[in-house]
N, C-alpha and C. Protein backbone atom coordinates (compact mmCIF):
# COMPACT_ATOMS: atom_id res chain seq x y z
N MET A 1 5.38 38.80 10.99
CA MET A 1 4.63 39.08 9.77
C MET A 1 5.19 40.36 9.18
N ASP A 2 5.53 40.32 7.85
CA ASP A 2 6.01 41.54 7.21
C ASP A 2 4.89 42.19 6.42
N SER A 3 5.22 43.26 5.71
CA SER A 3 4.18 44.03 5.01
C SER A 3 3.61 43.30 3.81
N ASN A 4 4.19 42.14 3.45
CA ASN A 4 3.72 41.40 2.29
C ASN A 4 2.86 40.20 2.67
N THR A 5 2.50 40.07 3.94
CA THR A 5 1.61 38.98 4.35
C THR A 5 0.52 39.54 5.25
N ARG A 6 -0.57 38.83 5.30
CA ARG A 6 -1.65 39.19 6.22
C ARG A 6 -2.37 37.92 6.63
N GLN A 7 -2.96 37.95 7.81
CA GLN A 7 -3.70 36.79 8.29
C GLN A 7 -5.13 36.88 7.78
N VAL A 8 -5.61 35.76 7.26
CA VAL A 8 -6.96 35.70 6.72
C VAL A 8 -7.73 34.66 7.52
N CYS A 9 -8.96 34.97 7.85
CA CYS A 9 -9.80 34.07 8.64
C CYS A 9 -10.98 33.64 7.77
N SER A 10 -11.29 32.35 7.81
CA SER A 10 -12.48 31.86 7.11
C SER A 10 -13.27 30.98 8.07
N TYR A 11 -14.58 30.93 7.87
CA TYR A 11 -15.47 30.18 8.75
C TYR A 11 -16.20 29.13 7.94
N SER A 12 -16.20 27.91 8.45
CA SER A 12 -16.91 26.83 7.78
C SER A 12 -18.17 26.52 8.59
N GLY A 13 -19.32 26.86 8.04
CA GLY A 13 -20.58 26.60 8.72
C GLY A 13 -20.88 25.12 8.84
N ASP A 14 -20.38 24.32 7.88
CA ASP A 14 -20.62 22.88 7.89
C ASP A 14 -19.99 22.21 9.11
N THR A 15 -18.77 22.64 9.46
CA THR A 15 -18.05 21.99 10.55
C THR A 15 -17.92 22.88 11.77
N ASN A 16 -18.45 24.09 11.67
CA ASN A 16 -18.40 25.04 12.79
C ASN A 16 -16.95 25.33 13.19
N GLN A 17 -16.05 25.43 12.19
CA GLN A 17 -14.65 25.67 12.48
C GLN A 17 -14.21 26.99 11.87
N ILE A 18 -13.29 27.61 12.53
CA ILE A 18 -12.66 28.82 12.01
C ILE A 18 -11.26 28.43 11.56
N HIS A 19 -10.89 28.82 10.35
CA HIS A 19 -9.58 28.50 9.79
C HIS A 19 -8.79 29.78 9.61
N PHE A 20 -7.53 29.75 10.04
CA PHE A 20 -6.64 30.88 9.85
C PHE A 20 -5.54 30.45 8.88
N GLN A 21 -5.16 31.32 7.99
CA GLN A 21 -4.04 31.06 7.11
C GLN A 21 -3.37 32.39 6.79
N TRP A 22 -2.17 32.29 6.30
CA TRP A 22 -1.45 33.50 5.91
C TRP A 22 -1.63 33.68 4.41
N GLU A 23 -1.99 34.85 4.01
CA GLU A 23 -2.14 35.17 2.59
C GLU A 23 -0.96 36.04 2.18
N ILE A 24 -0.33 35.68 1.10
CA ILE A 24 0.83 36.42 0.62
C ILE A 24 0.36 37.44 -0.40
N LEU A 25 0.67 38.69 -0.16
CA LEU A 25 0.28 39.75 -1.07
C LEU A 25 1.35 39.88 -2.14
N LEU A 26 0.94 39.83 -3.39
CA LEU A 26 1.90 39.90 -4.49
C LEU A 26 2.19 41.36 -4.82
N THR A 27 3.19 41.91 -4.16
CA THR A 27 3.59 43.28 -4.44
C THR A 27 4.95 43.33 -5.11
N TYR A 28 5.44 42.18 -5.54
CA TYR A 28 6.72 42.09 -6.23
C TYR A 28 6.46 41.83 -7.71
N PRO A 29 7.42 42.17 -8.57
CA PRO A 29 7.26 41.86 -9.99
C PRO A 29 7.28 40.35 -10.20
N PRO A 30 6.77 39.86 -11.32
CA PRO A 30 6.69 38.41 -11.55
C PRO A 30 8.05 37.73 -11.63
N GLU A 31 9.12 38.48 -11.80
CA GLU A 31 10.45 37.91 -11.87
C GLU A 31 11.00 37.52 -10.50
N ILE A 32 10.33 37.95 -9.43
CA ILE A 32 10.78 37.64 -8.07
C ILE A 32 9.78 36.71 -7.40
N LEU A 33 10.28 35.57 -6.95
CA LEU A 33 9.47 34.67 -6.13
C LEU A 33 10.04 34.74 -4.71
N LYS A 34 9.29 35.30 -3.80
CA LYS A 34 9.72 35.38 -2.41
C LYS A 34 9.69 33.98 -1.79
N ALA A 35 10.50 33.78 -0.77
CA ALA A 35 10.59 32.48 -0.10
C ALA A 35 9.22 32.01 0.38
N ALA A 36 8.40 32.94 0.89
CA ALA A 36 7.07 32.56 1.38
C ALA A 36 6.18 32.07 0.24
N VAL A 37 6.34 32.65 -0.93
CA VAL A 37 5.55 32.21 -2.10
C VAL A 37 5.99 30.81 -2.50
N ILE A 38 7.30 30.58 -2.54
CA ILE A 38 7.82 29.26 -2.90
C ILE A 38 7.35 28.21 -1.89
N ALA A 39 7.42 28.54 -0.63
CA ALA A 39 6.98 27.60 0.41
C ALA A 39 5.50 27.28 0.27
N ALA A 40 4.70 28.26 -0.17
CA ALA A 40 3.26 28.06 -0.30
C ALA A 40 2.87 27.31 -1.58
N MET A 41 3.78 27.22 -2.55
CA MET A 41 3.48 26.51 -3.79
C MET A 41 3.23 25.05 -3.48
N GLU A 42 2.18 24.48 -4.07
CA GLU A 42 1.85 23.07 -3.83
C GLU A 42 2.86 22.12 -4.47
N GLY A 43 3.34 22.45 -5.61
CA GLY A 43 4.21 21.54 -6.34
C GLY A 43 3.39 20.49 -7.07
N GLU A 44 4.05 19.76 -7.93
CA GLU A 44 3.40 18.73 -8.74
C GLU A 44 4.12 17.40 -8.53
N VAL A 45 3.37 16.37 -8.19
CA VAL A 45 3.95 15.04 -8.06
C VAL A 45 4.08 14.46 -9.46
N LYS A 46 5.30 14.06 -9.81
CA LYS A 46 5.57 13.52 -11.14
C LYS A 46 6.17 12.14 -11.01
N THR A 47 5.70 11.24 -11.86
CA THR A 47 6.27 9.90 -11.97
C THR A 47 6.78 9.74 -13.39
N HIS A 48 8.02 9.30 -13.54
CA HIS A 48 8.60 9.17 -14.87
C HIS A 48 7.93 8.02 -15.63
N ASP A 49 7.68 8.24 -16.91
CA ASP A 49 7.01 7.24 -17.75
C ASP A 49 7.78 5.92 -17.83
N PHE A 50 9.11 5.96 -17.74
CA PHE A 50 9.92 4.75 -17.93
C PHE A 50 10.47 4.19 -16.62
N ASN A 51 10.11 4.80 -15.48
CA ASN A 51 10.59 4.31 -14.20
C ASN A 51 9.55 4.60 -13.13
N PRO A 52 8.72 3.62 -12.77
CA PRO A 52 7.68 3.85 -11.77
C PRO A 52 8.22 4.19 -10.38
N ASN A 53 9.52 3.94 -10.13
CA ASN A 53 10.12 4.32 -8.85
C ASN A 53 10.59 5.77 -8.84
N ALA A 54 10.55 6.41 -9.99
CA ALA A 54 10.98 7.81 -10.10
C ALA A 54 9.78 8.72 -9.82
N VAL A 55 9.54 8.94 -8.53
CA VAL A 55 8.43 9.80 -8.09
C VAL A 55 9.05 10.97 -7.35
N ARG A 56 8.70 12.18 -7.77
CA ARG A 56 9.27 13.37 -7.15
C ARG A 56 8.22 14.46 -7.06
N LEU A 57 8.40 15.35 -6.09
CA LEU A 57 7.56 16.54 -5.97
C LEU A 57 8.37 17.69 -6.55
N SER A 58 7.81 18.37 -7.54
CA SER A 58 8.54 19.41 -8.24
C SER A 58 7.79 20.73 -8.19
N LYS A 59 8.51 21.77 -7.80
CA LYS A 59 7.99 23.13 -7.87
C LYS A 59 8.76 23.84 -8.98
N SER A 60 8.07 24.19 -10.06
CA SER A 60 8.74 24.80 -11.20
C SER A 60 8.88 26.30 -10.98
N LEU A 61 10.02 26.69 -10.44
CA LEU A 61 10.28 28.10 -10.18
C LEU A 61 10.47 28.86 -11.50
N GLY A 62 11.07 28.20 -12.47
CA GLY A 62 11.26 28.83 -13.78
C GLY A 62 9.93 29.14 -14.45
N ASP A 63 9.02 28.17 -14.46
CA ASP A 63 7.70 28.41 -15.06
C ASP A 63 6.98 29.54 -14.35
N ALA A 64 7.09 29.58 -13.03
CA ALA A 64 6.39 30.60 -12.25
C ALA A 64 6.88 32.01 -12.55
N THR A 65 8.12 32.12 -13.02
CA THR A 65 8.66 33.44 -13.36
C THR A 65 8.67 33.70 -14.87
N GLY A 66 8.10 32.77 -15.65
CA GLY A 66 7.97 32.99 -17.09
C GLY A 66 9.12 32.48 -17.94
N LEU A 67 10.05 31.73 -17.36
CA LEU A 67 11.14 31.19 -18.16
C LEU A 67 10.62 30.12 -19.11
N THR A 68 11.08 30.15 -20.35
CA THR A 68 10.63 29.16 -21.33
C THR A 68 11.76 28.34 -21.94
N ASN A 69 12.99 28.84 -21.91
CA ASN A 69 14.10 28.13 -22.54
C ASN A 69 14.90 27.25 -21.59
N ILE A 70 14.70 27.46 -20.28
CA ILE A 70 15.33 26.58 -19.29
C ILE A 70 14.29 26.20 -18.25
N GLY A 71 14.44 25.01 -17.75
CA GLY A 71 13.61 24.58 -16.63
C GLY A 71 14.42 24.76 -15.36
N PHE A 72 13.80 25.28 -14.32
CA PHE A 72 14.47 25.46 -13.03
C PHE A 72 13.48 25.01 -11.97
N HIS A 73 13.81 23.90 -11.27
CA HIS A 73 12.85 23.25 -10.39
C HIS A 73 13.44 23.01 -9.00
N LEU A 74 12.60 23.19 -8.00
CA LEU A 74 12.91 22.76 -6.64
C LEU A 74 12.27 21.39 -6.50
N VAL A 75 13.09 20.36 -6.33
CA VAL A 75 12.63 18.98 -6.39
C VAL A 75 12.87 18.29 -5.04
N SER A 76 11.87 17.53 -4.61
CA SER A 76 11.97 16.72 -3.39
C SER A 76 11.76 15.26 -3.77
N ILE A 77 12.74 14.43 -3.37
CA ILE A 77 12.69 12.99 -3.67
C ILE A 77 12.66 12.25 -2.34
N GLN A 78 11.66 11.44 -2.14
CA GLN A 78 11.51 10.71 -0.89
C GLN A 78 12.51 9.55 -0.80
N PRO A 79 12.82 9.08 0.41
CA PRO A 79 13.76 7.97 0.58
C PRO A 79 13.39 6.75 -0.27
N GLY A 80 14.40 6.19 -0.93
CA GLY A 80 14.20 5.01 -1.76
C GLY A 80 13.71 5.30 -3.16
N ARG A 81 13.39 6.54 -3.46
CA ARG A 81 12.89 6.91 -4.79
C ARG A 81 14.00 7.45 -5.68
N ASP A 82 13.76 7.38 -6.98
CA ASP A 82 14.69 7.90 -7.99
C ASP A 82 14.22 9.26 -8.49
N SER A 83 15.14 9.99 -9.09
CA SER A 83 14.81 11.29 -9.66
C SER A 83 14.14 11.16 -11.02
N THR A 84 14.54 10.17 -11.77
CA THR A 84 14.10 10.01 -13.16
C THR A 84 14.45 8.59 -13.59
N ALA A 85 14.40 8.33 -14.87
CA ALA A 85 14.92 7.07 -15.40
C ALA A 85 16.39 7.29 -15.77
N TYR A 86 17.18 6.23 -15.74
CA TYR A 86 18.59 6.30 -16.14
C TYR A 86 18.63 6.74 -17.60
N HIS A 87 19.28 7.90 -17.87
CA HIS A 87 19.19 8.50 -19.20
C HIS A 87 20.39 9.39 -19.50
N ARG A 88 20.49 9.78 -20.76
CA ARG A 88 21.46 10.79 -21.21
C ARG A 88 20.86 11.56 -22.38
N HIS A 89 21.20 12.84 -22.44
CA HIS A 89 20.71 13.71 -23.52
C HIS A 89 21.81 13.91 -24.56
N MET A 90 21.42 13.93 -25.82
CA MET A 90 22.38 14.18 -26.89
C MET A 90 22.60 15.68 -27.11
N TYR A 91 21.59 16.51 -26.80
CA TYR A 91 21.70 17.94 -27.10
C TYR A 91 21.44 18.86 -25.91
N GLU A 92 20.66 18.44 -24.96
CA GLU A 92 20.37 19.28 -23.80
C GLU A 92 21.39 19.06 -22.70
N GLU A 93 21.62 20.11 -21.92
CA GLU A 93 22.47 20.01 -20.75
C GLU A 93 21.59 20.19 -19.51
N GLU A 94 21.98 19.54 -18.42
CA GLU A 94 21.21 19.67 -17.18
C GLU A 94 22.16 19.58 -16.00
N CYS A 95 21.68 20.10 -14.85
CA CYS A 95 22.50 20.04 -13.64
C CYS A 95 21.62 19.97 -12.41
N VAL A 96 22.25 19.52 -11.31
CA VAL A 96 21.55 19.33 -10.03
C VAL A 96 22.44 19.89 -8.93
N TYR A 97 21.86 20.69 -8.04
CA TYR A 97 22.55 21.14 -6.84
C TYR A 97 21.76 20.62 -5.65
N ILE A 98 22.41 19.86 -4.78
CA ILE A 98 21.72 19.24 -3.66
C ILE A 98 21.69 20.20 -2.47
N LEU A 99 20.49 20.54 -2.04
CA LEU A 99 20.30 21.44 -0.91
C LEU A 99 20.33 20.71 0.43
N SER A 100 19.70 19.53 0.49
CA SER A 100 19.69 18.74 1.73
C SER A 100 19.43 17.29 1.41
N GLY A 101 19.86 16.43 2.33
CA GLY A 101 19.65 15.01 2.16
C GLY A 101 20.89 14.29 1.64
N HIS A 102 20.73 12.99 1.44
CA HIS A 102 21.81 12.13 0.95
C HIS A 102 21.27 11.29 -0.20
N GLY A 103 22.14 11.03 -1.16
CA GLY A 103 21.71 10.23 -2.28
C GLY A 103 22.86 9.46 -2.90
N GLU A 104 22.50 8.76 -3.94
CA GLU A 104 23.46 8.00 -4.71
C GLU A 104 23.25 8.35 -6.18
N ALA A 105 24.34 8.76 -6.83
CA ALA A 105 24.28 9.06 -8.25
C ALA A 105 24.86 7.87 -9.01
N LEU A 106 24.11 7.36 -9.96
CA LEU A 106 24.60 6.33 -10.87
C LEU A 106 24.97 7.07 -12.15
N ILE A 107 26.26 7.11 -12.45
CA ILE A 107 26.77 7.83 -13.63
C ILE A 107 27.63 6.87 -14.43
N ASP A 108 27.21 6.62 -15.65
CA ASP A 108 27.95 5.72 -16.54
C ASP A 108 28.20 4.38 -15.87
N GLU A 109 27.15 3.87 -15.18
CA GLU A 109 27.14 2.56 -14.50
C GLU A 109 28.05 2.49 -13.27
N ARG A 110 28.50 3.65 -12.76
CA ARG A 110 29.29 3.67 -11.52
C ARG A 110 28.50 4.45 -10.48
N ARG A 111 28.54 3.98 -9.22
CA ARG A 111 27.77 4.60 -8.13
C ARG A 111 28.66 5.54 -7.30
N TYR A 112 28.06 6.72 -6.95
CA TYR A 112 28.76 7.72 -6.16
C TYR A 112 27.81 8.27 -5.10
N GLU A 113 28.31 8.39 -3.86
CA GLU A 113 27.53 9.01 -2.79
C GLU A 113 27.53 10.52 -3.00
N VAL A 114 26.37 11.16 -2.81
CA VAL A 114 26.25 12.61 -2.93
C VAL A 114 25.42 13.12 -1.75
N ALA A 115 25.62 14.40 -1.41
CA ALA A 115 24.92 14.98 -0.27
C ALA A 115 24.81 16.49 -0.43
N ALA A 116 24.21 17.13 0.56
CA ALA A 116 24.00 18.57 0.55
C ALA A 116 25.30 19.30 0.20
N GLY A 117 25.18 20.27 -0.71
CA GLY A 117 26.32 21.05 -1.16
C GLY A 117 26.99 20.52 -2.41
N ASP A 118 26.64 19.30 -2.82
CA ASP A 118 27.24 18.71 -4.02
C ASP A 118 26.51 19.19 -5.27
N PHE A 119 27.27 19.31 -6.35
CA PHE A 119 26.74 19.76 -7.65
C PHE A 119 27.04 18.69 -8.69
N LEU A 120 26.05 18.38 -9.52
CA LEU A 120 26.20 17.42 -10.60
C LEU A 120 25.87 18.14 -11.91
N GLY A 121 26.79 18.13 -12.86
CA GLY A 121 26.56 18.78 -14.15
C GLY A 121 26.70 17.78 -15.27
N PHE A 122 25.73 17.77 -16.18
CA PHE A 122 25.72 16.81 -17.27
C PHE A 122 25.68 17.55 -18.61
N ALA A 123 26.82 17.54 -19.30
CA ALA A 123 26.93 18.18 -20.61
C ALA A 123 26.21 17.35 -21.66
N LYS A 124 25.88 17.97 -22.77
CA LYS A 124 25.26 17.20 -23.86
C LYS A 124 26.21 16.08 -24.27
N ARG A 125 25.63 14.97 -24.66
CA ARG A 125 26.35 13.75 -25.04
C ARG A 125 27.18 13.19 -23.88
N GLY A 126 26.85 13.59 -22.65
CA GLY A 126 27.57 13.11 -21.48
C GLY A 126 27.09 11.72 -21.09
N PRO A 127 27.55 11.24 -19.95
CA PRO A 127 27.19 9.89 -19.52
C PRO A 127 25.73 9.80 -19.05
N ALA A 128 25.20 8.60 -19.13
CA ALA A 128 23.86 8.35 -18.58
C ALA A 128 23.93 8.50 -17.07
N HIS A 129 22.79 8.89 -16.48
CA HIS A 129 22.80 9.17 -15.04
C HIS A 129 21.40 9.05 -14.45
N ILE A 130 21.38 8.89 -13.13
CA ILE A 130 20.15 8.86 -12.34
C ILE A 130 20.56 9.18 -10.90
N LEU A 131 19.67 9.78 -10.15
CA LEU A 131 19.91 10.11 -8.75
C LEU A 131 18.87 9.39 -7.91
N THR A 132 19.33 8.71 -6.85
CA THR A 132 18.44 7.97 -5.96
C THR A 132 18.62 8.50 -4.54
N ASN A 133 17.51 8.67 -3.83
CA ASN A 133 17.59 9.07 -2.42
C ASN A 133 17.93 7.83 -1.60
N SER A 134 19.15 7.78 -1.10
CA SER A 134 19.60 6.64 -0.29
C SER A 134 19.55 6.96 1.20
N GLY A 135 19.05 8.13 1.55
CA GLY A 135 18.98 8.54 2.94
C GLY A 135 17.64 8.22 3.57
N THR A 136 17.43 8.82 4.74
CA THR A 136 16.19 8.60 5.50
C THR A 136 15.29 9.83 5.50
N GLU A 137 15.77 10.93 4.93
CA GLU A 137 15.02 12.18 4.83
C GLU A 137 14.84 12.52 3.35
N PRO A 138 13.91 13.41 3.03
CA PRO A 138 13.77 13.82 1.63
C PRO A 138 15.09 14.39 1.09
N LEU A 139 15.38 14.09 -0.16
CA LEU A 139 16.51 14.65 -0.88
C LEU A 139 15.98 15.87 -1.63
N ILE A 140 16.47 17.05 -1.26
CA ILE A 140 15.97 18.30 -1.83
C ILE A 140 17.04 18.86 -2.76
N CYS A 141 16.65 19.15 -4.00
CA CYS A 141 17.61 19.58 -5.02
C CYS A 141 17.05 20.73 -5.85
N LEU A 142 17.95 21.53 -6.38
CA LEU A 142 17.62 22.45 -7.46
C LEU A 142 18.05 21.75 -8.74
N VAL A 143 17.13 21.62 -9.68
CA VAL A 143 17.41 20.94 -10.94
C VAL A 143 17.12 21.91 -12.07
N THR A 144 18.09 22.06 -12.96
CA THR A 144 17.88 22.95 -14.09
C THR A 144 18.36 22.27 -15.37
N GLY A 145 17.73 22.63 -16.45
CA GLY A 145 18.11 22.07 -17.75
C GLY A 145 17.52 22.88 -18.88
N GLN A 146 18.13 22.70 -20.03
CA GLN A 146 17.65 23.37 -21.23
C GLN A 146 16.30 22.79 -21.66
N ARG A 147 15.58 23.58 -22.43
CA ARG A 147 14.33 23.12 -23.03
C ARG A 147 14.42 23.36 -24.53
N LEU A 148 15.22 22.54 -25.18
CA LEU A 148 15.39 22.69 -26.62
C LEU A 148 14.16 22.16 -27.35
N GLU A 149 13.91 22.70 -28.51
CA GLU A 149 12.77 22.26 -29.33
C GLU A 149 12.99 20.82 -29.80
N GLN A 150 14.25 20.47 -30.08
CA GLN A 150 14.59 19.10 -30.49
C GLN A 150 15.66 18.54 -29.56
N ASP A 151 15.52 17.29 -29.23
CA ASP A 151 16.53 16.59 -28.43
C ASP A 151 16.40 15.10 -28.73
N VAL A 152 17.43 14.38 -28.36
CA VAL A 152 17.45 12.93 -28.44
C VAL A 152 17.92 12.46 -27.07
N CYS A 153 17.18 11.53 -26.50
CA CYS A 153 17.47 11.07 -25.15
C CYS A 153 17.53 9.55 -25.15
N ASP A 154 18.67 9.01 -24.69
CA ASP A 154 18.83 7.56 -24.61
C ASP A 154 18.50 7.07 -23.20
N TYR A 155 17.88 5.90 -23.13
CA TYR A 155 17.57 5.20 -21.87
C TYR A 155 18.26 3.83 -21.94
N PRO A 156 19.55 3.78 -21.57
CA PRO A 156 20.33 2.55 -21.74
C PRO A 156 19.75 1.31 -21.05
N HIS A 157 19.15 1.49 -19.87
CA HIS A 157 18.60 0.31 -19.17
C HIS A 157 17.32 -0.19 -19.84
N LYS A 158 16.71 0.61 -20.68
CA LYS A 158 15.51 0.21 -21.41
C LYS A 158 15.82 -0.09 -22.87
N ASN A 159 17.07 0.13 -23.29
CA ASN A 159 17.49 -0.07 -24.69
C ASN A 159 16.60 0.70 -25.64
N THR A 160 16.29 1.95 -25.28
CA THR A 160 15.43 2.78 -26.12
C THR A 160 16.04 4.16 -26.33
N ARG A 161 15.56 4.82 -27.37
CA ARG A 161 15.95 6.20 -27.68
C ARG A 161 14.67 6.99 -27.93
N LEU A 162 14.60 8.17 -27.31
CA LEU A 162 13.46 9.06 -27.46
C LEU A 162 13.87 10.23 -28.35
N PHE A 163 13.13 10.41 -29.44
CA PHE A 163 13.34 11.55 -30.33
C PHE A 163 12.28 12.59 -30.00
N ILE A 164 12.72 13.81 -29.69
CA ILE A 164 11.80 14.89 -29.31
C ILE A 164 11.86 15.96 -30.38
N ASN A 165 10.70 16.29 -30.92
CA ASN A 165 10.57 17.35 -31.92
C ASN A 165 9.35 18.18 -31.54
N GLY A 166 9.57 19.19 -30.73
CA GLY A 166 8.45 19.98 -30.22
C GLY A 166 7.60 19.14 -29.30
N LYS A 167 6.31 19.08 -29.58
CA LYS A 167 5.41 18.28 -28.75
C LYS A 167 5.38 16.81 -29.18
N GLN A 168 5.97 16.51 -30.33
CA GLN A 168 6.01 15.13 -30.81
C GLN A 168 7.19 14.39 -30.19
N GLU A 169 6.91 13.23 -29.62
CA GLU A 169 7.95 12.38 -29.05
C GLU A 169 7.80 10.97 -29.61
N ASP A 170 8.90 10.43 -30.15
CA ASP A 170 8.88 9.10 -30.72
C ASP A 170 9.92 8.24 -30.03
N LEU A 171 9.47 7.10 -29.51
CA LEU A 171 10.34 6.18 -28.79
C LEU A 171 10.66 4.99 -29.71
N VAL A 172 11.95 4.68 -29.80
CA VAL A 172 12.41 3.62 -30.69
C VAL A 172 13.32 2.68 -29.90
N GLU A 173 13.16 1.40 -30.10
CA GLU A 173 14.10 0.45 -29.52
C GLU A 173 15.42 0.57 -30.26
N LEU A 174 16.51 0.57 -29.51
CA LEU A 174 17.83 0.82 -30.11
C LEU A 174 18.18 -0.15 -31.23
N HIS A 175 17.77 -1.40 -31.13
CA HIS A 175 18.13 -2.37 -32.17
C HIS A 175 17.40 -2.10 -33.50
N HIS A 176 16.39 -1.23 -33.49
CA HIS A 176 15.70 -0.89 -34.73
C HIS A 176 16.35 0.29 -35.47
N ILE A 177 17.30 0.94 -34.84
CA ILE A 177 17.97 2.08 -35.47
C ILE A 177 19.04 1.57 -36.41
N VAL A 178 18.97 2.01 -37.66
CA VAL A 178 19.92 1.59 -38.67
C VAL A 178 20.73 2.80 -39.12
N PRO A 179 22.05 2.79 -38.90
CA PRO A 179 22.88 3.92 -39.35
C PRO A 179 22.86 3.99 -40.89
N LEU A 180 22.85 5.21 -41.43
CA LEU A 180 22.82 5.40 -42.86
C LEU A 180 24.20 5.40 -43.50
N SER A 181 25.23 5.57 -42.70
CA SER A 181 26.57 5.59 -43.29
C SER A 181 27.45 4.51 -42.73
């Protein structure tokens, strides 16, 4: 135990049990998230709107430190699950660094094995992509991406395009888009 943690005891009269837990004392500025704080974060289970198999546990480290223009997440994907829906951004860039586990990246309809230590970077207007946990243990990744006010995101397997303008999001089937020139 270091100087930034202490043991806390609580008593439950209903069950006659004593509970011990470690309490982390916040003596660091908000720009620093200590490993113990990150480990104690519950995270949020997210399921992608366009892919019910895309279920992940995400701890938003960027949000916790006040970042607003980029998202920086510690993500855990269970075996057999996807990271998101197969997609590509027209204006935002994103990347993934794999900390542990094994997976399969589908990039521009080609499959690639990926594992701990691998980095995936997706430039704006880059190929469509998705990451699937093909291993037997959780796939743990750092995922970061821009948070632009406007973006356009294509979902080729759904034949749809998502237009993002602030909080407004409009989904259009690709065959309904008519070029003006």
